[in-house]
Amino acid sequence: MLTQKEQDFIAYWEQNRATYKYSWKQFLIALPLAVLICGGIYLAIDFGWYKRAAMVANAGGEGLPKSVFIAFIAIIFFIGYITRHFKWETNEQRYKELMAKKNRLNS
């Protein structure tokens, strides 16, 4: 027997599974985590916590700030995409398991 919470999830996911797979809202939810990680990396380099990275950052030419900025943007988009995709896959797996359980109980 499926609980009410499981039945509600099945109904919800049947309606919203396509929108969650390609939704920018899900991407934007993951952005604070990515920005926090990039901020931590920046602070670690800026405060000299990792001496070699600080030396390389200070010895670089004009292109270093641009390349660091591009790397941070790439990290932010990568983490946002992976987080969104992982969340969708987790919900899809739960949906398939609940549907298999429902079919098993009905037959």
PDB file of N, CA and C in Angstrom:
ATOM      1  N   MET A   1       0.839  -1.186   0.000  1.00  0.00           N
ATOM      2  CA  MET A   1       0.000   0.000   0.000  1.00  0.00           C
ATOM      3  C   MET A   1       0.883   1.249   0.000  1.00  0.00           C
ATOM      4  N   LEU A   2       0.611   2.124  -0.903  1.00  0.00           N
ATOM      5  CA  LEU A   2       1.353   3.376  -0.975  1.00  0.00           C
ATOM      6  C   LEU A   2       0.798   4.359   0.042  1.00  0.00           C
ATOM      7  N   THR A   3       1.683   5.081   0.678  1.00  0.00           N
ATOM      8  CA  THR A   3       1.247   6.106   1.620  1.00  0.00           C
ATOM      9  C   THR A   3       0.725   7.314   0.833  1.00  0.00           C
ATOM     10  N   GLN A   4       0.068   8.203   1.542  1.00  0.00           N
ATOM     11  CA  GLN A   4      -0.464   9.401   0.894  1.00  0.00           C
ATOM     12  C   GLN A   4       0.662  10.277   0.361  1.00  0.00           C
ATOM     13  N   LYS A   5       1.764  10.326   1.084  1.00  0.00           N
ATOM     14  CA  LYS A   5       2.910  11.128   0.650  1.00  0.00           C
ATOM     15  C   LYS A   5       3.488  10.576  -0.652  1.00  0.00           C
ATOM     16  N   GLU A   6       3.563   9.260  -0.769  1.00  0.00           N
ATOM     17  CA  GLU A   6       4.068   8.642  -1.992  1.00  0.00           C
ATOM     18  C   GLU A   6       3.122   8.878  -3.167  1.00  0.00           C
ATOM     19  N   GLN A   7       1.829   8.783  -2.929  1.00  0.00           N
ATOM     20  CA  GLN A   7       0.849   9.051  -3.987  1.00  0.00           C
ATOM     21  C   GLN A   7       0.906  10.510  -4.433  1.00  0.00           C
ATOM     22  N   ASP A   8       1.088  11.403  -3.476  1.00  0.00           N
ATOM     23  CA  ASP A   8       1.216  12.826  -3.819  1.00  0.00           C
ATOM     24  C   ASP A   8       2.464  13.084  -4.660  1.00  0.00           C
ATOM     25  N   PHE A   9       3.568  12.407  -4.317  1.00  0.00           N
ATOM     26  CA  PHE A   9       4.788  12.576  -5.098  1.00  0.00           C
ATOM     27  C   PHE A   9       4.599  12.060  -6.515  1.00  0.00           C
ATOM     28  N   ILE A  10       3.938  10.914  -6.669  1.00  0.00           N
ATOM     29  CA  ILE A  10       3.695  10.356  -8.008  1.00  0.00           C
ATOM     30  C   ILE A  10       2.885  11.341  -8.849  1.00  0.00           C
ATOM     31  N   ALA A  11       1.822  11.873  -8.275  1.00  0.00           N
ATOM     32  CA  ALA A  11       0.986  12.825  -9.013  1.00  0.00           C
ATOM     33  C   ALA A  11       1.769  14.095  -9.351  1.00  0.00           C
ATOM     34  N   TYR A  12       2.548  14.581  -8.397  1.00  0.00           N
ATOM     35  CA  TYR A  12       3.338  15.792  -8.614  1.00  0.00           C
ATOM     36  C   TYR A  12       4.386  15.577  -9.695  1.00  0.00           C
ATOM     37  N   TRP A  13       5.083  14.442  -9.642  1.00  0.00           N
ATOM     38  CA  TRP A  13       6.176  14.215 -10.581  1.00  0.00           C
ATOM     39  C   TRP A  13       5.660  13.927 -11.989  1.00  0.00           C
ATOM     40  N   GLU A  14       4.485  13.309 -12.107  1.00  0.00           N
ATOM     41  CA  GLU A  14       3.898  13.095 -13.434  1.00  0.00           C
ATOM     42  C   GLU A  14       3.606  14.419 -14.118  1.00  0.00           C
ATOM     43  N   GLN A  15       3.190  15.406 -13.351  1.00  0.00           N
ATOM     44  CA  GLN A  15       2.873  16.711 -13.918  1.00  0.00           C
ATOM     45  C   GLN A  15       4.118  17.552 -14.210  1.00  0.00           C
ATOM     46  N   ASN A  16       5.144  17.444 -13.370  1.00  0.00           N
ATOM     47  CA  ASN A  16       6.261  18.390 -13.428  1.00  0.00           C
ATOM     48  C   ASN A  16       7.589  17.802 -13.880  1.00  0.00           C
ATOM     49  N   ARG A  17       7.631  16.556 -14.274  1.00  0.00           N
ATOM     50  CA  ARG A  17       8.930  15.956 -14.591  1.00  0.00           C
ATOM     51  C   ARG A  17       9.579  16.594 -15.811  1.00  0.00           C
ATOM     52  N   ALA A  18       8.816  16.965 -16.803  1.00  0.00           N
ATOM     53  CA  ALA A  18       9.400  17.582 -18.005  1.00  0.00           C
ATOM     54  C   ALA A  18       9.898  19.000 -17.711  1.00  0.00           C
ATOM     55  N   THR A  19       9.175  19.744 -16.904  1.00  0.00           N
ATOM     56  CA  THR A  19       9.594  21.115 -16.614  1.00  0.00           C
ATOM     57  C   THR A  19      10.827  21.144 -15.732  1.00  0.00           C
ATOM     58  N   TYR A  20      10.970  20.200 -14.830  1.00  0.00           N
ATOM     59  CA  TYR A  20      12.140  20.174 -13.968  1.00  0.00           C
ATOM     60  C   TYR A  20      13.404  19.763 -14.708  1.00  0.00           C
ATOM     61  N   LYS A  21      13.278  18.989 -15.757  1.00  0.00           N
ATOM     62  CA  LYS A  21      14.462  18.545 -16.473  1.00  0.00           C
ATOM     63  C   LYS A  21      15.140  19.706 -17.197  1.00  0.00           C
ATOM     64  N   TYR A  22      14.378  20.642 -17.699  1.00  0.00           N
ATOM     65  CA  TYR A  22      14.940  21.737 -18.487  1.00  0.00           C
ATOM     66  C   TYR A  22      14.650  23.107 -17.881  1.00  0.00           C
ATOM     67  N   SER A  23      14.407  23.157 -16.601  1.00  0.00           N
ATOM     68  CA  SER A  23      14.018  24.401 -15.958  1.00  0.00           C
ATOM     69  C   SER A  23      15.230  25.213 -15.514  1.00  0.00           C
ATOM     70  N   TRP A  24      15.200  26.508 -15.784  1.00  0.00           N
ATOM     71  CA  TRP A  24      16.254  27.397 -15.312  1.00  0.00           C
ATOM     72  C   TRP A  24      16.106  27.661 -13.827  1.00  0.00           C
ATOM     73  N   LYS A  25      14.891  27.498 -13.310  1.00  0.00           N
ATOM     74  CA  LYS A  25      14.664  27.711 -11.883  1.00  0.00           C
ATOM     75  C   LYS A  25      15.523  26.751 -11.071  1.00  0.00           C
ATOM     76  N   GLN A  26      15.590  25.505 -11.483  1.00  0.00           N
ATOM     77  CA  GLN A  26      16.406  24.530 -10.777  1.00  0.00           C
ATOM     78  C   GLN A  26      17.885  24.883 -10.866  1.00  0.00           C
ATOM     79  N   PHE A  27      18.282  25.428 -11.996  1.00  0.00           N
ATOM     80  CA  PHE A  27      19.663  25.865 -12.160  1.00  0.00           C
ATOM     81  C   PHE A  27      19.977  27.022 -11.216  1.00  0.00           C
ATOM     82  N   LEU A  28      19.056  27.957 -11.115  1.00  0.00           N
ATOM     83  CA  LEU A  28      19.277  29.122 -10.265  1.00  0.00           C
ATOM     84  C   LEU A  28      19.299  28.762  -8.788  1.00  0.00           C
ATOM     85  N   ILE A  29      18.612  27.706  -8.404  1.00  0.00           N
ATOM     86  CA  ILE A  29      18.625  27.264  -7.011  1.00  0.00           C
ATOM     87  C   ILE A  29      20.020  26.780  -6.626  1.00  0.00           C
ATOM     88  N   ALA A  30      20.723  26.177  -7.562  1.00  0.00           N
ATOM     89  CA  ALA A  30      22.060  25.637  -7.278  1.00  0.00           C
ATOM     90  C   ALA A  30      23.152  26.697  -7.334  1.00  0.00           C
ATOM     91  N   LEU A  31      22.871  27.868  -7.845  1.00  0.00           N
ATOM     92  CA  LEU A  31      23.908  28.894  -7.990  1.00  0.00           C
ATOM     93  C   LEU A  31      24.521  29.374  -6.674  1.00  0.00           C
ATOM     94  N   PRO A  32      23.763  29.549  -5.601  1.00  0.00           N
ATOM     95  CA  PRO A  32      24.417  29.995  -4.357  1.00  0.00           C
ATOM     96  C   PRO A  32      25.504  29.038  -3.866  1.00  0.00           C
ATOM     97  N   LEU A  33      25.287  27.742  -4.017  1.00  0.00           N
ATOM     98  CA  LEU A  33      26.310  26.775  -3.630  1.00  0.00           C
ATOM     99  C   LEU A  33      27.561  26.957  -4.483  1.00  0.00           C
ATOM    100  N   ALA A  34      27.385  27.121  -5.764  1.00  0.00           N
ATOM    101  CA  ALA A  34      28.527  27.294  -6.661  1.00  0.00           C
ATOM    102  C   ALA A  34      29.270  28.591  -6.368  1.00  0.00           C
ATOM    103  N   VAL A  35      28.545  29.654  -6.112  1.00  0.00           N
ATOM    104  CA  VAL A  35      29.186  30.933  -5.796  1.00  0.00           C
ATOM    105  C   VAL A  35      29.928  30.828  -4.469  1.00  0.00           C
ATOM    106  N   LEU A  36      29.375  30.108  -3.522  1.00  0.00           N
ATOM    107  CA  LEU A  36      30.036  29.910  -2.239  1.00  0.00           C
ATOM    108  C   LEU A  36      31.353  29.144  -2.405  1.00  0.00           C
ATOM    109  N   ILE A  37      31.351  28.127  -3.232  1.00  0.00           N
ATOM    110  CA  ILE A  37      32.572  27.363  -3.485  1.00  0.00           C
ATOM    111  C   ILE A  37      33.621  28.241  -4.164  1.00  0.00           C
ATOM    112  N   CYS A  38      33.213  28.997  -5.182  1.00  0.00           N
ATOM    113  CA  CYS A  38      34.165  29.893  -5.866  1.00  0.00           C
ATOM    114  C   CYS A  38      34.665  30.977  -4.922  1.00  0.00           C
ATOM    115  N   GLY A  39      33.792  31.476  -4.060  1.00  0.00           N
ATOM    116  CA  GLY A  39      34.223  32.471  -3.072  1.00  0.00           C
ATOM    117  C   GLY A  39      35.254  31.897  -2.120  1.00  0.00           C
ATOM    118  N   GLY A  40      35.061  30.657  -1.708  1.00  0.00           N
ATOM    119  CA  GLY A  40      36.044  30.007  -0.845  1.00  0.00           C
ATOM    120  C   GLY A  40      37.379  29.828  -1.532  1.00  0.00           C
ATOM    121  N   ILE A  41      37.343  29.461  -2.791  1.00  0.00           N
ATOM    122  CA  ILE A  41      38.588  29.320  -3.559  1.00  0.00           C
ATOM    123  C   ILE A  41      39.293  30.665  -3.667  1.00  0.00           C
ATOM    124  N   TYR A  42      38.519  31.702  -3.971  1.00  0.00           N
ATOM    125  CA  TYR A  42      39.107  33.037  -4.103  1.00  0.00           C
ATOM    126  C   TYR A  42      39.729  33.504  -2.786  1.00  0.00           C
ATOM    127  N   LEU A  43      39.008  33.304  -1.679  1.00  0.00           N
ATOM    128  CA  LEU A  43      39.537  33.727  -0.383  1.00  0.00           C
ATOM    129  C   LEU A  43      40.783  32.936  -0.001  1.00  0.00           C
ATOM    130  N   ALA A  44      40.808  31.643  -0.337  1.00  0.00           N
ATOM    131  CA  ALA A  44      41.990  30.831  -0.039  1.00  0.00           C
ATOM    132  C   ALA A  44      43.210  31.351  -0.793  1.00  0.00           C
ATOM    133  N   ILE A  45      43.003  31.771  -2.021  1.00  0.00           N
ATOM    134  CA  ILE A  45      44.119  32.320  -2.808  1.00  0.00           C
ATOM    135  C   ILE A  45      44.474  33.723  -2.322  1.00  0.00           C
ATOM    136  N   ASP A  46      43.459  34.544  -2.054  1.00  0.00           N
ATOM    137  CA  ASP A  46      43.691  35.940  -1.694  1.00  0.00           C
ATOM    138  C   ASP A  46      44.379  36.087  -0.336  1.00  0.00           C
ATOM    139  N   PHE A  47      44.007  35.271   0.631  1.00  0.00           N
ATOM    140  CA  PHE A  47      44.596  35.376   1.965  1.00  0.00           C
ATOM    141  C   PHE A  47      45.906  34.608   2.099  1.00  0.00           C
ATOM    142  N   GLY A  48      46.335  33.958   1.022  1.00  0.00           N
ATOM    143  CA  GLY A  48      47.613  33.281   1.051  1.00  0.00           C
ATOM    144  C   GLY A  48      47.596  31.960   1.797  1.00  0.00           C
ATOM    145  N   TRP A  49      46.448  31.353   1.940  1.00  0.00           N
ATOM    146  CA  TRP A  49      46.352  30.069   2.639  1.00  0.00           C
ATOM    147  C   TRP A  49      47.139  29.000   1.900  1.00  0.00           C
ATOM    148  N   TYR A  50      47.037  29.023   0.582  1.00  0.00           N
ATOM    149  CA  TYR A  50      47.803  28.088  -0.242  1.00  0.00           C
ATOM    150  C   TYR A  50      48.905  28.905  -0.887  1.00  0.00           C
ATOM    151  N   LYS A  51      50.096  28.798  -0.353  1.00  0.00           N
ATOM    152  CA  LYS A  51      51.200  29.688  -0.736  1.00  0.00           C
ATOM    153  C   LYS A  51      51.546  29.608  -2.211  1.00  0.00           C
ATOM    154  N   ARG A  52      51.566  28.424  -2.768  1.00  0.00           N
ATOM    155  CA  ARG A  52      51.966  28.302  -4.169  1.00  0.00           C
ATOM    156  C   ARG A  52      50.943  28.960  -5.095  1.00  0.00           C
ATOM    157  N   ALA A  53      49.643  28.764  -4.791  1.00  0.00           N
ATOM    158  CA  ALA A  53      48.614  29.403  -5.620  1.00  0.00           C
ATOM    159  C   ALA A  53      48.712  30.921  -5.516  1.00  0.00           C
ATOM    160  N   ALA A  54      49.028  31.426  -4.348  1.00  0.00           N
ATOM    161  CA  ALA A  54      49.180  32.874  -4.179  1.00  0.00           C
ATOM    162  C   ALA A  54      50.383  33.388  -4.967  1.00  0.00           C
ATOM    163  N   MET A  55      51.467  32.607  -4.961  1.00  0.00           N
ATOM    164  CA  MET A  55      52.646  33.019  -5.729  1.00  0.00           C
ATOM    165  C   MET A  55      52.342  33.052  -7.223  1.00  0.00           C
ATOM    166  N   VAL A  56      51.650  32.042  -7.714  1.00  0.00           N
ATOM    167  CA  VAL A  56      51.311  31.993  -9.138  1.00  0.00           C
ATOM    168  C   VAL A  56      50.363  33.137  -9.488  1.00  0.00           C
ATOM    169  N   ALA A  57      49.403  33.415  -8.609  1.00  0.00           N
ATOM    170  CA  ALA A  57      48.449  34.493  -8.867  1.00  0.00           C
ATOM    171  C   ALA A  57      49.143  35.849  -8.906  1.00  0.00           C
ATOM    172  N   ASN A  58      50.114  36.046  -8.027  1.00  0.00           N
ATOM    173  CA  ASN A  58      50.813  37.328  -7.993  1.00  0.00           C
ATOM    174  C   ASN A  58      51.848  37.458  -9.104  1.00  0.00           C
ATOM    175  N   ALA A  59      52.355  36.348  -9.605  1.00  0.00           N
ATOM    176  CA  ALA A  59      53.371  36.387 -10.646  1.00  0.00           C
ATOM    177  C   ALA A  59      52.771  36.456 -12.046  1.00  0.00           C
ATOM    178  N   GLY A  60      51.487  36.204 -12.161  1.00  0.00           N
ATOM    179  CA  GLY A  60      50.840  36.195 -13.470  1.00  0.00           C
ATOM    180  C   GLY A  60      50.777  37.577 -14.073  1.00  0.00           C
ATOM    181  N   GLY A  61      50.528  37.584 -15.352  1.00  0.00           N
ATOM    182  CA  GLY A  61      50.440  38.858 -16.060  1.00  0.00           C
ATOM    183  C   GLY A  61      49.025  39.400 -16.063  1.00  0.00           C
ATOM    184  N   GLU A  62      48.713  40.097 -17.144  1.00  0.00           N
ATOM    185  CA  GLU A  62      47.396  40.707 -17.281  1.00  0.00           C
ATOM    186  C   GLU A  62      46.288  39.673 -17.446  1.00  0.00           C
ATOM    187  N   GLY A  63      46.612  38.559 -18.070  1.00  0.00           N
ATOM    188  CA  GLY A  63      45.582  37.583 -18.406  1.00  0.00           C
ATOM    189  C   GLY A  63      45.098  36.740 -17.250  1.00  0.00           C
ATOM    190  N   LEU A  64      45.796  36.764 -16.123  1.00  0.00           N
ATOM    191  CA  LEU A  64      45.417  35.904 -15.009  1.00  0.00           C
ATOM    192  C   LEU A  64      44.041  36.249 -14.437  1.00  0.00           C
ATOM    193  N   PRO A  65      43.717  37.506 -14.162  1.00  0.00           N
ATOM    194  CA  PRO A  65      42.373  37.779 -13.641  1.00  0.00           C
ATOM    195  C   PRO A  65      41.261  37.352 -14.608  1.00  0.00           C
ATOM    196  N   LYS A  66      41.515  37.510 -15.900  1.00  0.00           N
ATOM    197  CA  LYS A  66      40.517  37.076 -16.885  1.00  0.00           C
ATOM    198  C   LYS A  66      40.347  35.567 -16.848  1.00  0.00           C
ATOM    199  N   SER A  67      41.459  34.838 -16.780  1.00  0.00           N
ATOM    200  CA  SER A  67      41.355  33.378 -16.783  1.00  0.00           C
ATOM    201  C   SER A  67      40.738  32.866 -15.489  1.00  0.00           C
ATOM    202  N   VAL A  68      41.024  33.517 -14.361  1.00  0.00           N
ATOM    203  CA  VAL A  68      40.400  33.122 -13.094  1.00  0.00           C
ATOM    204  C   VAL A  68      38.903  33.400 -13.149  1.00  0.00           C
ATOM    205  N   PHE A  69      38.520  34.532 -13.703  1.00  0.00           N
ATOM    206  CA  PHE A  69      37.101  34.860 -13.841  1.00  0.00           C
ATOM    207  C   PHE A  69      36.389  33.844 -14.732  1.00  0.00           C
ATOM    208  N   ILE A  70      37.006  33.498 -15.845  1.00  0.00           N
ATOM    209  CA  ILE A  70      36.410  32.500 -16.744  1.00  0.00           C
ATOM    210  C   ILE A  70      36.324  31.144 -16.055  1.00  0.00           C
ATOM    211  N   ALA A  71      37.351  30.783 -15.294  1.00  0.00           N
ATOM    212  CA  ALA A  71      37.320  29.515 -14.559  1.00  0.00           C
ATOM    213  C   ALA A  71      36.207  29.518 -13.520  1.00  0.00           C
ATOM    214  N   PHE A  72      36.022  30.630 -12.813  1.00  0.00           N
ATOM    215  CA  PHE A  72      34.944  30.702 -11.824  1.00  0.00           C
ATOM    216  C   PHE A  72      33.575  30.605 -12.490  1.00  0.00           C
ATOM    217  N   ILE A  73      33.392  31.258 -13.621  1.00  0.00           N
ATOM    218  CA  ILE A  73      32.124  31.160 -14.349  1.00  0.00           C
ATOM    219  C   ILE A  73      31.874  29.716 -14.784  1.00  0.00           C
ATOM    220  N   ALA A  74      32.918  29.054 -15.276  1.00  0.00           N
ATOM    221  CA  ALA A  74      32.781  27.653 -15.689  1.00  0.00           C
ATOM    222  C   ALA A  74      32.436  26.766 -14.497  1.00  0.00           C
ATOM    223  N   ILE A  75      33.075  26.999 -13.360  1.00  0.00           N
ATOM    224  CA  ILE A  75      32.766  26.218 -12.156  1.00  0.00           C
ATOM    225  C   ILE A  75      31.330  26.442 -11.724  1.00  0.00           C
ATOM    226  N   ILE A  76      30.888  27.682 -11.751  1.00  0.00           N
ATOM    227  CA  ILE A  76      29.515  27.998 -11.332  1.00  0.00           C
ATOM    228  C   ILE A  76      28.507  27.295 -12.229  1.00  0.00           C
ATOM    229  N   PHE A  77      28.690  27.366 -13.543  1.00  0.00           N
ATOM    230  CA  PHE A  77      27.752  26.709 -14.445  1.00  0.00           C
ATOM    231  C   PHE A  77      27.825  25.194 -14.330  1.00  0.00           C
ATOM    232  N   PHE A  78      29.006  24.640 -14.153  1.00  0.00           N
ATOM    233  CA  PHE A  78      29.156  23.195 -14.022  1.00  0.00           C
ATOM    234  C   PHE A  78      28.461  22.686 -12.767  1.00  0.00           C
ATOM    235  N   ILE A  79      28.690  23.333 -11.635  1.00  0.00           N
ATOM    236  CA  ILE A  79      28.060  22.903 -10.388  1.00  0.00           C
ATOM    237  C   ILE A  79      26.551  23.082 -10.472  1.00  0.00           C
ATOM    238  N   GLY A  80      26.100  24.185 -11.052  1.00  0.00           N
ATOM    239  CA  GLY A  80      24.664  24.398 -11.205  1.00  0.00           C
ATOM    240  C   GLY A  80      24.018  23.321 -12.053  1.00  0.00           C
ATOM    241  N   TYR A  81      24.645  22.982 -13.168  1.00  0.00           N
ATOM    242  CA  TYR A  81      24.090  21.963 -14.051  1.00  0.00           C
ATOM    243  C   TYR A  81      24.103  20.585 -13.394  1.00  0.00           C
ATOM    244  N   ILE A  82      25.214  20.218 -12.768  1.00  0.00           N
ATOM    245  CA  ILE A  82      25.319  18.903 -12.148  1.00  0.00           C
ATOM    246  C   ILE A  82      24.328  18.765 -11.000  1.00  0.00           C
ATOM    247  N   THR A  83      24.178  19.803 -10.198  1.00  0.00           N
ATOM    248  CA  THR A  83      23.228  19.748  -9.084  1.00  0.00           C
ATOM    249  C   THR A  83      21.808  19.591  -9.589  1.00  0.00           C
ATOM    250  N   ARG A  84      21.451  20.357 -10.618  1.00  0.00           N
ATOM    251  CA  ARG A  84      20.111  20.256 -11.184  1.00  0.00           C
ATOM    252  C   ARG A  84      19.875  18.870 -11.765  1.00  0.00           C
ATOM    253  N   HIS A  85      20.828  18.355 -12.509  1.00  0.00           N
ATOM    254  CA  HIS A  85      20.681  17.049 -13.136  1.00  0.00           C
ATOM    255  C   HIS A  85      20.609  15.935 -12.085  1.00  0.00           C
ATOM    256  N   PHE A  86      21.415  16.029 -11.038  1.00  0.00           N
ATOM    257  CA  PHE A  86      21.391  15.021  -9.979  1.00  0.00           C
ATOM    258  C   PHE A  86      20.047  15.008  -9.265  1.00  0.00           C
ATOM    259  N   LYS A  87      19.509  16.179  -8.983  1.00  0.00           N
ATOM    260  CA  LYS A  87      18.203  16.276  -8.305  1.00  0.00           C
ATOM    261  C   LYS A  87      17.110  15.669  -9.183  1.00  0.00           C
ATOM    262  N   TRP A  88      17.143  15.954 -10.485  1.00  0.00           N
ATOM    263  CA  TRP A  88      16.144  15.397 -11.386  1.00  0.00           C
ATOM    264  C   TRP A  88      16.275  13.881 -11.448  1.00  0.00           C
ATOM    265  N   GLU A  89      17.485  13.362 -11.550  1.00  0.00           N
ATOM    266  CA  GLU A  89      17.702  11.915 -11.612  1.00  0.00           C
ATOM    267  C   GLU A  89      17.236  11.227 -10.332  1.00  0.00           C
ATOM    268  N   THR A  90      17.472  11.858  -9.189  1.00  0.00           N
ATOM    269  CA  THR A  90      17.030  11.287  -7.916  1.00  0.00           C
ATOM    270  C   THR A  90      15.511  11.194  -7.864  1.00  0.00           C
ATOM    271  N   ASN A  91      14.832  12.259  -8.261  1.00  0.00           N
ATOM    272  CA  ASN A  91      13.365  12.239  -8.270  1.00  0.00           C
ATOM    273  C   ASN A  91      12.828  11.245  -9.295  1.00  0.00           C
ATOM    274  N   GLU A  92      13.464  11.146 -10.444  1.00  0.00           N
ATOM    275  CA  GLU A  92      13.031  10.201 -11.474  1.00  0.00           C
ATOM    276  C   GLU A  92      13.190   8.758 -10.988  1.00  0.00           C
ATOM    277  N   GLN A  93      14.288   8.480 -10.304  1.00  0.00           N
ATOM    278  CA  GLN A  93      14.506   7.132  -9.758  1.00  0.00           C
ATOM    279  C   GLN A  93      13.459   6.811  -8.703  1.00  0.00           C
ATOM    280  N   ARG A  94      13.162   7.765  -7.837  1.00  0.00           N
ATOM    281  CA  ARG A  94      12.128   7.557  -6.820  1.00  0.00           C
ATOM    282  C   ARG A  94      10.774   7.312  -7.469  1.00  0.00           C
ATOM    283  N   TYR A  95      10.464   8.070  -8.512  1.00  0.00           N
ATOM    284  CA  TYR A  95       9.201   7.902  -9.226  1.00  0.00           C
ATOM    285  C   TYR A  95       9.105   6.505  -9.830  1.00  0.00           C
ATOM    286  N   LYS A  96      10.170   6.041 -10.474  1.00  0.00           N
ATOM    287  CA  LYS A  96      10.152   4.712 -11.089  1.00  0.00           C
ATOM    288  C   LYS A  96      10.011   3.619 -10.036  1.00  0.00           C
ATOM    289  N   GLU A  97      10.667   3.775  -8.895  1.00  0.00           N
ATOM    290  CA  GLU A  97      10.543   2.787  -7.827  1.00  0.00           C
ATOM    291  C   GLU A  97       9.125   2.744  -7.274  1.00  0.00           C
ATOM    292  N   LEU A  98       8.525   3.919  -7.101  1.00  0.00           N
ATOM    293  CA  LEU A  98       7.159   3.961  -6.587  1.00  0.00           C
ATOM    294  C   LEU A  98       6.169   3.393  -7.601  1.00  0.00           C
ATOM    295  N   MET A  99       6.391   3.661  -8.879  1.00  0.00           N
ATOM    296  CA  MET A  99       5.511   3.094  -9.901  1.00  0.00           C
ATOM    297  C   MET A  99       5.645   1.575  -9.957  1.00  0.00           C
ATOM    298  N   ALA A 100       6.848   1.055  -9.798  1.00  0.00           N
ATOM    299  CA  ALA A 100       7.040  -0.398  -9.770  1.00  0.00           C
ATOM    300  C   ALA A 100       6.355  -1.001  -8.546  1.00  0.00           C
ATOM    301  N   LYS A 101       6.454  -0.327  -7.421  1.00  0.00           N
ATOM    302  CA  LYS A 101       5.784  -0.793  -6.206  1.00  0.00           C
ATOM    303  C   LYS A 101       4.270  -0.772  -6.381  1.00  0.00           C
ATOM    304  N   LYS A 102       3.767   0.296  -7.021  1.00  0.00           N
ATOM    305  CA  LYS A 102       2.330   0.414  -7.251  1.00  0.00           C
ATOM    306  C   LYS A 102       1.848  -0.686  -8.192  1.00  0.00           C
ATOM    307  N   ASN A 103       2.600  -0.946  -9.254  1.00  0.00           N
ATOM    308  CA  ASN A 103       2.221  -2.006 -10.196  1.00  0.00           C
ATOM    309  C   ASN A 103       2.283  -3.390  -9.559  1.00  0.00           C
ATOM    310  N   ARG A 104       3.272  -3.588  -8.701  1.00  0.00           N
ATOM    311  CA  ARG A 104       3.412  -4.867  -8.001  1.00  0.00           C
ATOM    312  C   ARG A 104       2.251  -5.102  -7.036  1.00  0.00           C
ATOM    313  N   LEU A 105       1.810  -4.023  -6.361  1.00  0.00           N
ATOM    314  CA  LEU A 105       0.692  -4.157  -5.434  1.00  0.00           C
ATOM    315  C   LEU A 105      -0.640  -4.339  -6.147  1.00  0.00           C
ATOM    316  N   ASN A 106      -0.783  -3.756  -7.339  1.00  0.00           N
ATOM    317  CA  ASN A 106      -2.037  -3.870  -8.094  1.00  0.00           C
ATOM    318  C   ASN A 106      -2.195  -5.230  -8.754  1.00  0.00           C
ATOM    319  N   SER A 107      -1.103  -5.913  -9.030  1.00  0.00           N
ATOM    320  CA  SER A 107      -1.235  -7.204  -9.727  1.00  0.00           C
ATOM    321  C   SER A 107      -1.176  -8.375  -8.769  1.00  0.00           C
TER     322      SER A 107
END
